[in-house]
mmCIF file of all heavy atoms, coordinates in Angstrom:
data_MODEL
# 
_entry.id   MODEL 
# 
loop_
_atom_site.group_PDB 
_atom_site.id 
_atom_site.type_symbol 
_atom_site.label_atom_id 
_atom_site.label_alt_id 
_atom_site.label_comp_id 
_atom_site.label_asym_id 
_atom_site.label_entity_id 
_atom_site.label_seq_id 
_atom_site.pdbx_PDB_ins_code 
_atom_site.Cartn_x 
_atom_site.Cartn_y 
_atom_site.Cartn_z 
_atom_site.occupancy 
_atom_site.B_iso_or_equiv 
_atom_site.pdbx_formal_charge 
_atom_site.auth_seq_id 
_atom_site.auth_comp_id 
_atom_site.auth_asym_id 
_atom_site.auth_atom_id 
_atom_site.pdbx_PDB_model_num 
ATOM 1   N N   . LYS A 1 1  ? 75.544 16.080 11.956 1.00 0.00 ? 1  LYS A N   1 
ATOM 2   C CA  . LYS A 1 1  ? 76.295 16.485 13.096 1.00 0.00 ? 1  LYS A CA  1 
ATOM 3   C C   . LYS A 1 1  ? 75.391 16.825 14.268 1.00 0.00 ? 1  LYS A C   1 
ATOM 4   O O   . LYS A 1 1  ? 75.608 16.399 15.426 1.00 0.00 ? 1  LYS A O   1 
ATOM 5   C CB  . LYS A 1 1  ? 77.196 17.693 12.821 1.00 0.00 ? 1  LYS A CB  1 
ATOM 6   C CG  . LYS A 1 1  ? 78.114 18.049 13.890 1.00 0.00 ? 1  LYS A CG  1 
ATOM 7   C CD  . LYS A 1 1  ? 79.055 19.154 13.603 1.00 0.00 ? 1  LYS A CD  1 
ATOM 8   C CE  . LYS A 1 1  ? 79.994 19.519 14.694 1.00 0.00 ? 1  LYS A CE  1 
ATOM 9   N NZ  . LYS A 1 1  ? 80.906 20.644 14.339 1.00 0.00 ? 1  LYS A NZ  1 
ATOM 10  N N   . GLU A 1 2  ? 74.261 17.480 14.002 1.00 0.00 ? 2  GLU A N   1 
ATOM 11  C CA  . GLU A 1 2  ? 73.317 17.826 15.149 1.00 0.00 ? 2  GLU A CA  1 
ATOM 12  C C   . GLU A 1 2  ? 71.923 17.395 14.541 1.00 0.00 ? 2  GLU A C   1 
ATOM 13  O O   . GLU A 1 2  ? 71.070 18.266 14.173 1.00 0.00 ? 2  GLU A O   1 
ATOM 14  C CB  . GLU A 1 2  ? 73.397 19.331 15.481 1.00 0.00 ? 2  GLU A CB  1 
ATOM 15  C CG  . GLU A 1 2  ? 74.701 19.757 16.162 1.00 0.00 ? 2  GLU A CG  1 
ATOM 16  C CD  . GLU A 1 2  ? 74.823 19.083 17.494 1.00 0.00 ? 2  GLU A CD  1 
ATOM 17  O OE1 . GLU A 1 2  ? 73.798 18.751 18.146 1.00 0.00 ? 2  GLU A OE1 1 
ATOM 18  O OE2 . GLU A 1 2  ? 75.920 19.052 17.955 1.00 0.00 ? 2  GLU A OE2 1 
ATOM 19  N N   . ALA A 1 3  ? 71.725 16.096 14.612 1.00 0.00 ? 3  ALA A N   1 
ATOM 20  C CA  . ALA A 1 3  ? 70.454 15.638 14.140 1.00 0.00 ? 3  ALA A CA  1 
ATOM 21  C C   . ALA A 1 3  ? 69.238 16.144 14.951 1.00 0.00 ? 3  ALA A C   1 
ATOM 22  O O   . ALA A 1 3  ? 69.313 16.011 16.216 1.00 0.00 ? 3  ALA A O   1 
ATOM 23  C CB  . ALA A 1 3  ? 70.424 14.154 13.988 1.00 0.00 ? 3  ALA A CB  1 
ATOM 24  N N   . PRO A 1 4  ? 68.165 16.705 14.337 1.00 0.00 ? 4  PRO A N   1 
ATOM 25  C CA  . PRO A 1 4  ? 67.105 17.162 15.108 1.00 0.00 ? 4  PRO A CA  1 
ATOM 26  C C   . PRO A 1 4  ? 66.295 16.019 15.789 1.00 0.00 ? 4  PRO A C   1 
ATOM 27  O O   . PRO A 1 4  ? 66.226 14.914 15.287 1.00 0.00 ? 4  PRO A O   1 
ATOM 28  C CB  . PRO A 1 4  ? 66.237 17.975 14.176 1.00 0.00 ? 4  PRO A CB  1 
ATOM 29  C CG  . PRO A 1 4  ? 66.475 17.266 12.852 1.00 0.00 ? 4  PRO A CG  1 
ATOM 30  C CD  . PRO A 1 4  ? 67.946 16.864 12.905 1.00 0.00 ? 4  PRO A CD  1 
ATOM 31  N N   . ARG A 1 5  ? 65.687 16.273 16.995 1.00 0.00 ? 5  ARG A N   1 
ATOM 32  C CA  . ARG A 1 5  ? 64.711 15.325 17.499 1.00 0.00 ? 5  ARG A CA  1 
ATOM 33  C C   . ARG A 1 5  ? 63.517 15.162 16.626 1.00 0.00 ? 5  ARG A C   1 
ATOM 34  O O   . ARG A 1 5  ? 63.058 16.090 15.923 1.00 0.00 ? 5  ARG A O   1 
ATOM 35  C CB  . ARG A 1 5  ? 64.338 15.698 18.911 1.00 0.00 ? 5  ARG A CB  1 
ATOM 36  C CG  . ARG A 1 5  ? 65.432 15.849 19.898 1.00 0.00 ? 5  ARG A CG  1 
ATOM 37  C CD  . ARG A 1 5  ? 64.903 16.209 21.287 1.00 0.00 ? 5  ARG A CD  1 
ATOM 38  N NE  . ARG A 1 5  ? 65.931 16.549 22.151 1.00 0.00 ? 5  ARG A NE  1 
ATOM 39  C CZ  . ARG A 1 5  ? 65.769 16.813 23.433 1.00 0.00 ? 5  ARG A CZ  1 
ATOM 40  N NH1 . ARG A 1 5  ? 64.487 16.694 24.055 1.00 0.00 ? 5  ARG A NH1 1 
ATOM 41  N NH2 . ARG A 1 5  ? 66.789 17.212 24.261 1.00 0.00 ? 5  ARG A NH2 1 
ATOM 42  N N   . GLN A 1 6  ? 62.933 13.946 16.538 1.00 0.00 ? 6  GLN A N   1 
ATOM 43  C CA  . GLN A 1 6  ? 61.733 13.692 15.697 1.00 0.00 ? 6  GLN A CA  1 
ATOM 44  C C   . GLN A 1 6  ? 60.702 13.144 16.644 1.00 0.00 ? 6  GLN A C   1 
ATOM 45  O O   . GLN A 1 6  ? 60.876 12.352 17.495 1.00 0.00 ? 6  GLN A O   1 
ATOM 46  C CB  . GLN A 1 6  ? 62.132 12.689 14.687 1.00 0.00 ? 6  GLN A CB  1 
ATOM 47  C CG  . GLN A 1 6  ? 62.999 13.188 13.601 1.00 0.00 ? 6  GLN A CG  1 
ATOM 48  C CD  . GLN A 1 6  ? 62.423 14.395 12.776 1.00 0.00 ? 6  GLN A CD  1 
ATOM 49  O OE1 . GLN A 1 6  ? 61.183 14.371 12.448 1.00 0.00 ? 6  GLN A OE1 1 
ATOM 50  N NE2 . GLN A 1 6  ? 63.190 15.409 12.558 1.00 0.00 ? 6  GLN A NE2 1 
ATOM 51  N N   . ARG A 1 7  ? 59.441 13.705 16.454 1.00 0.00 ? 7  ARG A N   1 
ATOM 52  C CA  . ARG A 1 7  ? 58.356 13.319 17.199 1.00 0.00 ? 7  ARG A CA  1 
ATOM 53  C C   . ARG A 1 7  ? 57.634 12.068 16.590 1.00 0.00 ? 7  ARG A C   1 
ATOM 54  O O   . ARG A 1 7  ? 57.201 12.151 15.477 1.00 0.00 ? 7  ARG A O   1 
ATOM 55  C CB  . ARG A 1 7  ? 57.363 14.554 17.210 1.00 0.00 ? 7  ARG A CB  1 
ATOM 56  C CG  . ARG A 1 7  ? 56.271 14.424 18.351 1.00 0.00 ? 7  ARG A CG  1 
ATOM 57  C CD  . ARG A 1 7  ? 55.308 15.569 18.276 1.00 0.00 ? 7  ARG A CD  1 
ATOM 58  N NE  . ARG A 1 7  ? 56.012 16.861 18.227 1.00 0.00 ? 7  ARG A NE  1 
ATOM 59  C CZ  . ARG A 1 7  ? 55.857 17.674 19.311 1.00 0.00 ? 7  ARG A CZ  1 
ATOM 60  N NH1 . ARG A 1 7  ? 55.156 17.444 20.338 1.00 0.00 ? 7  ARG A NH1 1 
ATOM 61  N NH2 . ARG A 1 7  ? 56.562 18.884 19.251 1.00 0.00 ? 7  ARG A NH2 1 
ATOM 62  N N   . VAL A 1 8  ? 57.473 11.065 17.400 1.00 0.00 ? 8  VAL A N   1 
ATOM 63  C CA  . VAL A 1 8  ? 56.757 9.815  16.917 1.00 0.00 ? 8  VAL A CA  1 
ATOM 64  C C   . VAL A 1 8  ? 55.362 9.838  17.489 1.00 0.00 ? 8  VAL A C   1 
ATOM 65  O O   . VAL A 1 8  ? 55.120 10.198 18.671 1.00 0.00 ? 8  VAL A O   1 
ATOM 66  C CB  . VAL A 1 8  ? 57.531 8.608  17.427 1.00 0.00 ? 8  VAL A CB  1 
ATOM 67  C CG1 . VAL A 1 8  ? 56.689 7.335  17.086 1.00 0.00 ? 8  VAL A CG1 1 
ATOM 68  C CG2 . VAL A 1 8  ? 58.973 8.503  16.909 1.00 0.00 ? 8  VAL A CG2 1 
ATOM 69  N N   . LEU A 1 9  ? 54.414 9.613  16.621 1.00 0.00 ? 9  LEU A N   1 
ATOM 70  C CA  . LEU A 1 9  ? 52.967 9.789  16.871 1.00 0.00 ? 9  LEU A CA  1 
ATOM 71  C C   . LEU A 1 9  ? 52.325 8.403  16.843 1.00 0.00 ? 9  LEU A C   1 
ATOM 72  O O   . LEU A 1 9  ? 52.754 7.485  16.164 1.00 0.00 ? 9  LEU A O   1 
ATOM 73  C CB  . LEU A 1 9  ? 52.239 10.680 15.904 1.00 0.00 ? 9  LEU A CB  1 
ATOM 74  C CG  . LEU A 1 9  ? 52.918 12.084 15.630 1.00 0.00 ? 9  LEU A CG  1 
ATOM 75  C CD1 . LEU A 1 9  ? 52.117 12.821 14.604 1.00 0.00 ? 9  LEU A CD1 1 
ATOM 76  C CD2 . LEU A 1 9  ? 52.932 12.839 16.989 1.00 0.00 ? 9  LEU A CD2 1 
ATOM 77  N N   . PRO A 1 10 ? 51.224 8.278  17.720 1.00 0.00 ? 10 PRO A N   1 
ATOM 78  C CA  . PRO A 1 10 ? 50.420 6.974  17.622 1.00 0.00 ? 10 PRO A CA  1 
ATOM 79  C C   . PRO A 1 10 ? 49.859 6.692  16.233 1.00 0.00 ? 10 PRO A C   1 
ATOM 80  O O   . PRO A 1 10 ? 49.386 7.690  15.564 1.00 0.00 ? 10 PRO A O   1 
ATOM 81  C CB  . PRO A 1 10 ? 49.388 7.210  18.617 1.00 0.00 ? 10 PRO A CB  1 
ATOM 82  C CG  . PRO A 1 10 ? 49.829 8.357  19.581 1.00 0.00 ? 10 PRO A CG  1 
ATOM 83  C CD  . PRO A 1 10 ? 50.660 9.195  18.640 1.00 0.00 ? 10 PRO A CD  1 
ATOM 84  N N   . ASP A 1 11 ? 49.950 5.516  15.813 1.00 0.00 ? 11 ASP A N   1 
ATOM 85  C CA  . ASP A 1 11 ? 49.308 5.143  14.538 1.00 0.00 ? 11 ASP A CA  1 
ATOM 86  C C   . ASP A 1 11 ? 48.483 3.878  14.540 1.00 0.00 ? 11 ASP A C   1 
ATOM 87  O O   . ASP A 1 11 ? 47.950 3.415  13.599 1.00 0.00 ? 11 ASP A O   1 
ATOM 88  C CB  . ASP A 1 11 ? 50.407 4.921  13.406 1.00 0.00 ? 11 ASP A CB  1 
ATOM 89  C CG  . ASP A 1 11 ? 51.331 3.857  13.664 1.00 0.00 ? 11 ASP A CG  1 
ATOM 90  O OD1 . ASP A 1 11 ? 51.140 3.088  14.711 1.00 0.00 ? 11 ASP A OD1 1 
ATOM 91  O OD2 . ASP A 1 11 ? 52.180 3.559  12.818 1.00 0.00 ? 11 ASP A OD2 1 
ATOM 92  N N   . GLY A 1 12 ? 48.318 3.272  15.768 1.00 0.00 ? 12 GLY A N   1 
ATOM 93  C CA  . GLY A 1 12 ? 47.493 2.136  15.910 1.00 0.00 ? 12 GLY A CA  1 
ATOM 94  C C   . GLY A 1 12 ? 48.025 0.811  15.633 1.00 0.00 ? 12 GLY A C   1 
ATOM 95  O O   . GLY A 1 12 ? 47.446 -0.245 15.682 1.00 0.00 ? 12 GLY A O   1 
ATOM 96  N N   . CYS A 1 13 ? 49.263 0.870  15.089 1.00 0.00 ? 13 CYS A N   1 
ATOM 97  C CA  . CYS A 1 13 ? 49.989 -0.436 14.653 1.00 0.00 ? 13 CYS A CA  1 
ATOM 98  C C   . CYS A 1 13 ? 51.061 -0.821 15.668 1.00 0.00 ? 13 CYS A C   1 
ATOM 99  O O   . CYS A 1 13 ? 51.575 0.055  16.489 1.00 0.00 ? 13 CYS A O   1 
ATOM 100 C CB  . CYS A 1 13 ? 50.527 -0.215 13.239 1.00 0.00 ? 13 CYS A CB  1 
ATOM 101 S SG  . CYS A 1 13 ? 49.342 -0.006 11.994 1.00 0.00 ? 13 CYS A SG  1 
ATOM 102 N N   . ILE A 1 14 ? 51.550 -2.052 15.611 1.00 0.00 ? 14 ILE A N   1 
ATOM 103 C CA  . ILE A 1 14 ? 52.637 -2.528 16.375 1.00 0.00 ? 14 ILE A CA  1 
ATOM 104 C C   . ILE A 1 14 ? 53.704 -2.857 15.387 1.00 0.00 ? 14 ILE A C   1 
ATOM 105 O O   . ILE A 1 14 ? 53.485 -3.331 14.297 1.00 0.00 ? 14 ILE A O   1 
ATOM 106 C CB  . ILE A 1 14 ? 52.300 -3.745 17.137 1.00 0.00 ? 14 ILE A CB  1 
ATOM 107 C CG1 . ILE A 1 14 ? 51.247 -3.415 18.284 1.00 0.00 ? 14 ILE A CG1 1 
ATOM 108 C CG2 . ILE A 1 14 ? 53.486 -4.446 17.761 1.00 0.00 ? 14 ILE A CG2 1 
ATOM 109 C CD1 . ILE A 1 14 ? 50.785 -4.565 19.044 1.00 0.00 ? 14 ILE A CD1 1 
ATOM 110 N N   . GLU A 1 15 ? 55.044 -2.443 15.786 1.00 0.00 ? 15 GLU A N   1 
ATOM 111 C CA  . GLU A 1 15 ? 56.140 -2.608 14.879 1.00 0.00 ? 15 GLU A CA  1 
ATOM 112 C C   . GLU A 1 15 ? 57.187 -3.557 15.430 1.00 0.00 ? 15 GLU A C   1 
ATOM 113 O O   . GLU A 1 15 ? 57.565 -3.421 16.650 1.00 0.00 ? 15 GLU A O   1 
ATOM 114 C CB  . GLU A 1 15 ? 56.792 -1.246 14.655 1.00 0.00 ? 15 GLU A CB  1 
ATOM 115 C CG  . GLU A 1 15 ? 55.886 -0.006 14.328 1.00 0.00 ? 15 GLU A CG  1 
ATOM 116 C CD  . GLU A 1 15 ? 55.654 0.182  12.809 1.00 0.00 ? 15 GLU A CD  1 
ATOM 117 O OE1 . GLU A 1 15 ? 56.208 -0.662 11.942 1.00 0.00 ? 15 GLU A OE1 1 
ATOM 118 O OE2 . GLU A 1 15 ? 54.927 1.091  12.515 1.00 0.00 ? 15 GLU A OE2 1 
ATOM 119 N N   . LEU A 1 16 ? 57.630 -4.469 14.621 1.00 0.00 ? 16 LEU A N   1 
ATOM 120 C CA  . LEU A 1 16 ? 58.805 -5.250 14.933 1.00 0.00 ? 16 LEU A CA  1 
ATOM 121 C C   . LEU A 1 16 ? 59.993 -4.615 14.270 1.00 0.00 ? 16 LEU A C   1 
ATOM 122 O O   . LEU A 1 16 ? 59.939 -4.474 13.036 1.00 0.00 ? 16 LEU A O   1 
ATOM 123 C CB  . LEU A 1 16 ? 58.631 -6.695 14.496 1.00 0.00 ? 16 LEU A CB  1 
ATOM 124 C CG  . LEU A 1 16 ? 59.635 -7.747 15.103 1.00 0.00 ? 16 LEU A CG  1 
ATOM 125 C CD1 . LEU A 1 16 ? 59.009 -9.136 14.960 1.00 0.00 ? 16 LEU A CD1 1 
ATOM 126 C CD2 . LEU A 1 16 ? 60.918 -7.739 14.374 1.00 0.00 ? 16 LEU A CD2 1 
ATOM 127 N N   . PHE A 1 17 ? 61.061 -4.172 14.929 1.00 0.00 ? 17 PHE A N   1 
ATOM 128 C CA  . PHE A 1 17 ? 61.959 -3.225 14.483 1.00 0.00 ? 17 PHE A CA  1 
ATOM 129 C C   . PHE A 1 17 ? 63.387 -3.627 14.688 1.00 0.00 ? 17 PHE A C   1 
ATOM 130 O O   . PHE A 1 17 ? 63.771 -4.200 15.707 1.00 0.00 ? 17 PHE A O   1 
ATOM 131 C CB  . PHE A 1 17 ? 61.707 -1.939 15.291 1.00 0.00 ? 17 PHE A CB  1 
ATOM 132 C CG  . PHE A 1 17 ? 62.203 -0.644 14.716 1.00 0.00 ? 17 PHE A CG  1 
ATOM 133 C CD1 . PHE A 1 17 ? 61.334 0.107  14.026 1.00 0.00 ? 17 PHE A CD1 1 
ATOM 134 C CD2 . PHE A 1 17 ? 63.477 -0.284 14.808 1.00 0.00 ? 17 PHE A CD2 1 
ATOM 135 C CE1 . PHE A 1 17 ? 61.748 1.341  13.318 1.00 0.00 ? 17 PHE A CE1 1 
ATOM 136 C CE2 . PHE A 1 17 ? 63.949 0.916  14.277 1.00 0.00 ? 17 PHE A CE2 1 
ATOM 137 C CZ  . PHE A 1 17 ? 63.111 1.700  13.570 1.00 0.00 ? 17 PHE A CZ  1 
ATOM 138 N N   . PHE A 1 18 ? 64.236 -3.474 13.599 1.00 0.00 ? 18 PHE A N   1 
ATOM 139 C CA  . PHE A 1 18 ? 65.644 -3.693 13.618 1.00 0.00 ? 18 PHE A CA  1 
ATOM 140 C C   . PHE A 1 18 ? 66.407 -2.478 13.315 1.00 0.00 ? 18 PHE A C   1 
ATOM 141 O O   . PHE A 1 18 ? 66.255 -1.901 12.324 1.00 0.00 ? 18 PHE A O   1 
ATOM 142 C CB  . PHE A 1 18 ? 66.057 -4.837 12.678 1.00 0.00 ? 18 PHE A CB  1 
ATOM 143 C CG  . PHE A 1 18 ? 65.498 -6.175 12.985 1.00 0.00 ? 18 PHE A CG  1 
ATOM 144 C CD1 . PHE A 1 18 ? 64.257 -6.462 12.448 1.00 0.00 ? 18 PHE A CD1 1 
ATOM 145 C CD2 . PHE A 1 18 ? 66.210 -7.143 13.773 1.00 0.00 ? 18 PHE A CD2 1 
ATOM 146 C CE1 . PHE A 1 18 ? 63.636 -7.799 12.690 1.00 0.00 ? 18 PHE A CE1 1 
ATOM 147 C CE2 . PHE A 1 18 ? 65.659 -8.298 13.958 1.00 0.00 ? 18 PHE A CE2 1 
ATOM 148 C CZ  . PHE A 1 18 ? 64.350 -8.680 13.474 1.00 0.00 ? 18 PHE A CZ  1 
ATOM 149 N N   . ILE A 1 19 ? 67.330 -2.151 14.306 1.00 0.00 ? 19 ILE A N   1 
ATOM 150 C CA  . ILE A 1 19 ? 68.234 -0.927 13.996 1.00 0.00 ? 19 ILE A CA  1 
ATOM 151 C C   . ILE A 1 19 ? 69.541 -1.464 13.428 1.00 0.00 ? 19 ILE A C   1 
ATOM 152 O O   . ILE A 1 19 ? 70.329 -2.119 14.207 1.00 0.00 ? 19 ILE A O   1 
ATOM 153 C CB  . ILE A 1 19 ? 68.510 -0.097 15.262 1.00 0.00 ? 19 ILE A CB  1 
ATOM 154 C CG1 . ILE A 1 19 ? 67.181 0.488  15.868 1.00 0.00 ? 19 ILE A CG1 1 
ATOM 155 C CG2 . ILE A 1 19 ? 69.477 0.980  15.067 1.00 0.00 ? 19 ILE A CG2 1 
ATOM 156 C CD1 . ILE A 1 19 ? 67.199 1.142  17.222 1.00 0.00 ? 19 ILE A CD1 1 
ATOM 157 N N   . LEU A 1 20 ? 69.766 -1.217 12.126 1.00 0.00 ? 20 LEU A N   1 
ATOM 158 C CA  . LEU A 1 20 ? 70.923 -1.709 11.487 1.00 0.00 ? 20 LEU A CA  1 
ATOM 159 C C   . LEU A 1 20 ? 71.935 -0.639 11.328 1.00 0.00 ? 20 LEU A C   1 
ATOM 160 O O   . LEU A 1 20 ? 73.167 -0.970 10.964 1.00 0.00 ? 20 LEU A O   1 
ATOM 161 C CB  . LEU A 1 20 ? 70.499 -2.190 10.113 1.00 0.00 ? 20 LEU A CB  1 
ATOM 162 C CG  . LEU A 1 20 ? 69.373 -3.170 10.112 1.00 0.00 ? 20 LEU A CG  1 
ATOM 163 C CD1 . LEU A 1 20 ? 68.993 -3.535 8.614  1.00 0.00 ? 20 LEU A CD1 1 
ATOM 164 C CD2 . LEU A 1 20 ? 69.681 -4.485 10.806 1.00 0.00 ? 20 LEU A CD2 1 
ATOM 165 N N   . GLY A 1 21 ? 71.650 0.634  11.628 1.00 0.00 ? 21 GLY A N   1 
ATOM 166 C CA  . GLY A 1 21 ? 72.732 1.653  11.539 1.00 0.00 ? 21 GLY A CA  1 
ATOM 167 C C   . GLY A 1 21 ? 73.227 1.988  12.955 1.00 0.00 ? 21 GLY A C   1 
ATOM 168 O O   . GLY A 1 21 ? 73.393 1.134  13.751 1.00 0.00 ? 21 GLY A O   1 
ATOM 169 N N   . ASP A 1 22 ? 73.360 3.315  13.202 1.00 0.00 ? 22 ASP A N   1 
ATOM 170 C CA  . ASP A 1 22 ? 73.851 3.759  14.514 1.00 0.00 ? 22 ASP A CA  1 
ATOM 171 C C   . ASP A 1 22 ? 72.670 3.799  15.487 1.00 0.00 ? 22 ASP A C   1 
ATOM 172 O O   . ASP A 1 22 ? 71.480 3.665  15.158 1.00 0.00 ? 22 ASP A O   1 
ATOM 173 C CB  . ASP A 1 22 ? 74.375 5.230  14.447 1.00 0.00 ? 22 ASP A CB  1 
ATOM 174 C CG  . ASP A 1 22 ? 75.808 5.197  13.528 1.00 0.00 ? 22 ASP A CG  1 
ATOM 175 O OD1 . ASP A 1 22 ? 76.556 4.228  13.765 1.00 0.00 ? 22 ASP A OD1 1 
ATOM 176 O OD2 . ASP A 1 22 ? 75.957 6.053  12.715 1.00 0.00 ? 22 ASP A OD2 1 
ATOM 177 N N   . ASP A 1 23 ? 73.058 3.992  16.825 1.00 0.00 ? 23 ASP A N   1 
ATOM 178 C CA  . ASP A 1 23 ? 71.995 3.871  17.853 1.00 0.00 ? 23 ASP A CA  1 
ATOM 179 C C   . ASP A 1 23 ? 70.973 5.031  17.690 1.00 0.00 ? 23 ASP A C   1 
ATOM 180 O O   . ASP A 1 23 ? 71.222 6.118  17.003 1.00 0.00 ? 23 ASP A O   1 
ATOM 181 C CB  . ASP A 1 23 ? 72.610 4.096  19.249 1.00 0.00 ? 23 ASP A CB  1 
ATOM 182 C CG  . ASP A 1 23 ? 73.438 2.898  19.607 1.00 0.00 ? 23 ASP A CG  1 
ATOM 183 O OD1 . ASP A 1 23 ? 73.090 1.751  19.178 1.00 0.00 ? 23 ASP A OD1 1 
ATOM 184 O OD2 . ASP A 1 23 ? 74.318 2.950  20.504 1.00 0.00 ? 23 ASP A OD2 1 
ATOM 185 N N   . ILE A 1 24 ? 69.772 4.859  18.327 1.00 0.00 ? 24 ILE A N   1 
ATOM 186 C CA  . ILE A 1 24 ? 68.745 5.882  18.343 1.00 0.00 ? 24 ILE A CA  1 
ATOM 187 C C   . ILE A 1 24 ? 68.355 6.111  19.742 1.00 0.00 ? 24 ILE A C   1 
ATOM 188 O O   . ILE A 1 24 ? 68.150 5.143  20.587 1.00 0.00 ? 24 ILE A O   1 
ATOM 189 C CB  . ILE A 1 24 ? 67.509 5.349  17.508 1.00 0.00 ? 24 ILE A CB  1 
ATOM 190 C CG1 . ILE A 1 24 ? 67.854 5.242  16.041 1.00 0.00 ? 24 ILE A CG1 1 
ATOM 191 C CG2 . ILE A 1 24 ? 66.382 6.314  17.676 1.00 0.00 ? 24 ILE A CG2 1 
ATOM 192 C CD1 . ILE A 1 24 ? 66.772 4.729  15.156 1.00 0.00 ? 24 ILE A CD1 1 
ATOM 193 N N   . ARG A 1 25 ? 68.274 7.371  20.135 1.00 0.00 ? 25 ARG A N   1 
ATOM 194 C CA  . ARG A 1 25 ? 67.851 7.835  21.542 1.00 0.00 ? 25 ARG A CA  1 
ATOM 195 C C   . ARG A 1 25 ? 66.346 7.926  21.508 1.00 0.00 ? 25 ARG A C   1 
ATOM 196 O O   . ARG A 1 25 ? 65.801 8.434  20.587 1.00 0.00 ? 25 ARG A O   1 
ATOM 197 C CB  . ARG A 1 25 ? 68.556 9.066  21.967 1.00 0.00 ? 25 ARG A CB  1 
ATOM 198 C CG  . ARG A 1 25 ? 70.091 9.101  21.697 1.00 0.00 ? 25 ARG A CG  1 
ATOM 199 C CD  . ARG A 1 25 ? 70.721 10.339 22.140 1.00 0.00 ? 25 ARG A CD  1 
ATOM 200 N NE  . ARG A 1 25 ? 72.082 10.420 21.846 1.00 0.00 ? 25 ARG A NE  1 
ATOM 201 C CZ  . ARG A 1 25 ? 72.750 11.286 20.902 1.00 0.00 ? 25 ARG A CZ  1 
ATOM 202 N NH1 . ARG A 1 25 ? 71.984 12.012 20.283 1.00 0.00 ? 25 ARG A NH1 1 
ATOM 203 N NH2 . ARG A 1 25 ? 74.024 11.209 20.796 1.00 0.00 ? 25 ARG A NH2 1 
ATOM 204 N N   . ARG A 1 26 ? 65.761 7.574  22.674 1.00 0.00 ? 26 ARG A N   1 
ATOM 205 C CA  . ARG A 1 26 ? 64.420 8.036  22.892 1.00 0.00 ? 26 ARG A CA  1 
ATOM 206 C C   . ARG A 1 26 ? 64.361 8.811  24.146 1.00 0.00 ? 26 ARG A C   1 
ATOM 207 O O   . ARG A 1 26 ? 64.839 8.372  25.252 1.00 0.00 ? 26 ARG A O   1 
ATOM 208 C CB  . ARG A 1 26 ? 63.504 6.819  23.021 1.00 0.00 ? 26 ARG A CB  1 
ATOM 209 C CG  . ARG A 1 26 ? 61.992 7.305  23.462 1.00 0.00 ? 26 ARG A CG  1 
ATOM 210 C CD  . ARG A 1 26 ? 60.966 6.156  23.406 1.00 0.00 ? 26 ARG A CD  1 
ATOM 211 N NE  . ARG A 1 26 ? 61.166 5.143  24.350 1.00 0.00 ? 26 ARG A NE  1 
ATOM 212 C CZ  . ARG A 1 26 ? 60.667 5.302  25.662 1.00 0.00 ? 26 ARG A CZ  1 
ATOM 213 N NH1 . ARG A 1 26 ? 60.021 6.411  25.935 1.00 0.00 ? 26 ARG A NH1 1 
ATOM 214 N NH2 . ARG A 1 26 ? 60.834 4.315  26.510 1.00 0.00 ? 26 ARG A NH2 1 
ATOM 215 N N   . PHE A 1 27 ? 63.798 9.976  24.117 1.00 0.00 ? 27 PHE A N   1 
ATOM 216 C CA  . PHE A 1 27 ? 63.792 10.906 25.243 1.00 0.00 ? 27 PHE A CA  1 
ATOM 217 C C   . PHE A 1 27 ? 62.614 10.620 26.251 1.00 0.00 ? 27 PHE A C   1 
ATOM 218 O O   . PHE A 1 27 ? 61.501 10.469 25.793 1.00 0.00 ? 27 PHE A O   1 
ATOM 219 C CB  . PHE A 1 27 ? 63.744 12.369 24.870 1.00 0.00 ? 27 PHE A CB  1 
ATOM 220 C CG  . PHE A 1 27 ? 65.016 12.799 24.226 1.00 0.00 ? 27 PHE A CG  1 
ATOM 221 C CD1 . PHE A 1 27 ? 65.389 12.614 22.975 1.00 0.00 ? 27 PHE A CD1 1 
ATOM 222 C CD2 . PHE A 1 27 ? 65.932 13.547 25.023 1.00 0.00 ? 27 PHE A CD2 1 
ATOM 223 C CE1 . PHE A 1 27 ? 66.634 12.978 22.536 1.00 0.00 ? 27 PHE A CE1 1 
ATOM 224 C CE2 . PHE A 1 27 ? 67.155 13.939 24.597 1.00 0.00 ? 27 PHE A CE2 1 
ATOM 225 C CZ  . PHE A 1 27 ? 67.533 13.731 23.255 1.00 0.00 ? 27 PHE A CZ  1 
# 
């Protein structure tokens, strides 16, 4: 219901990404 924000950190890699569920917000 109130999902916490998650901090994404640098990892040196590049990602090709598919969101198959609900939307994701980036602040």
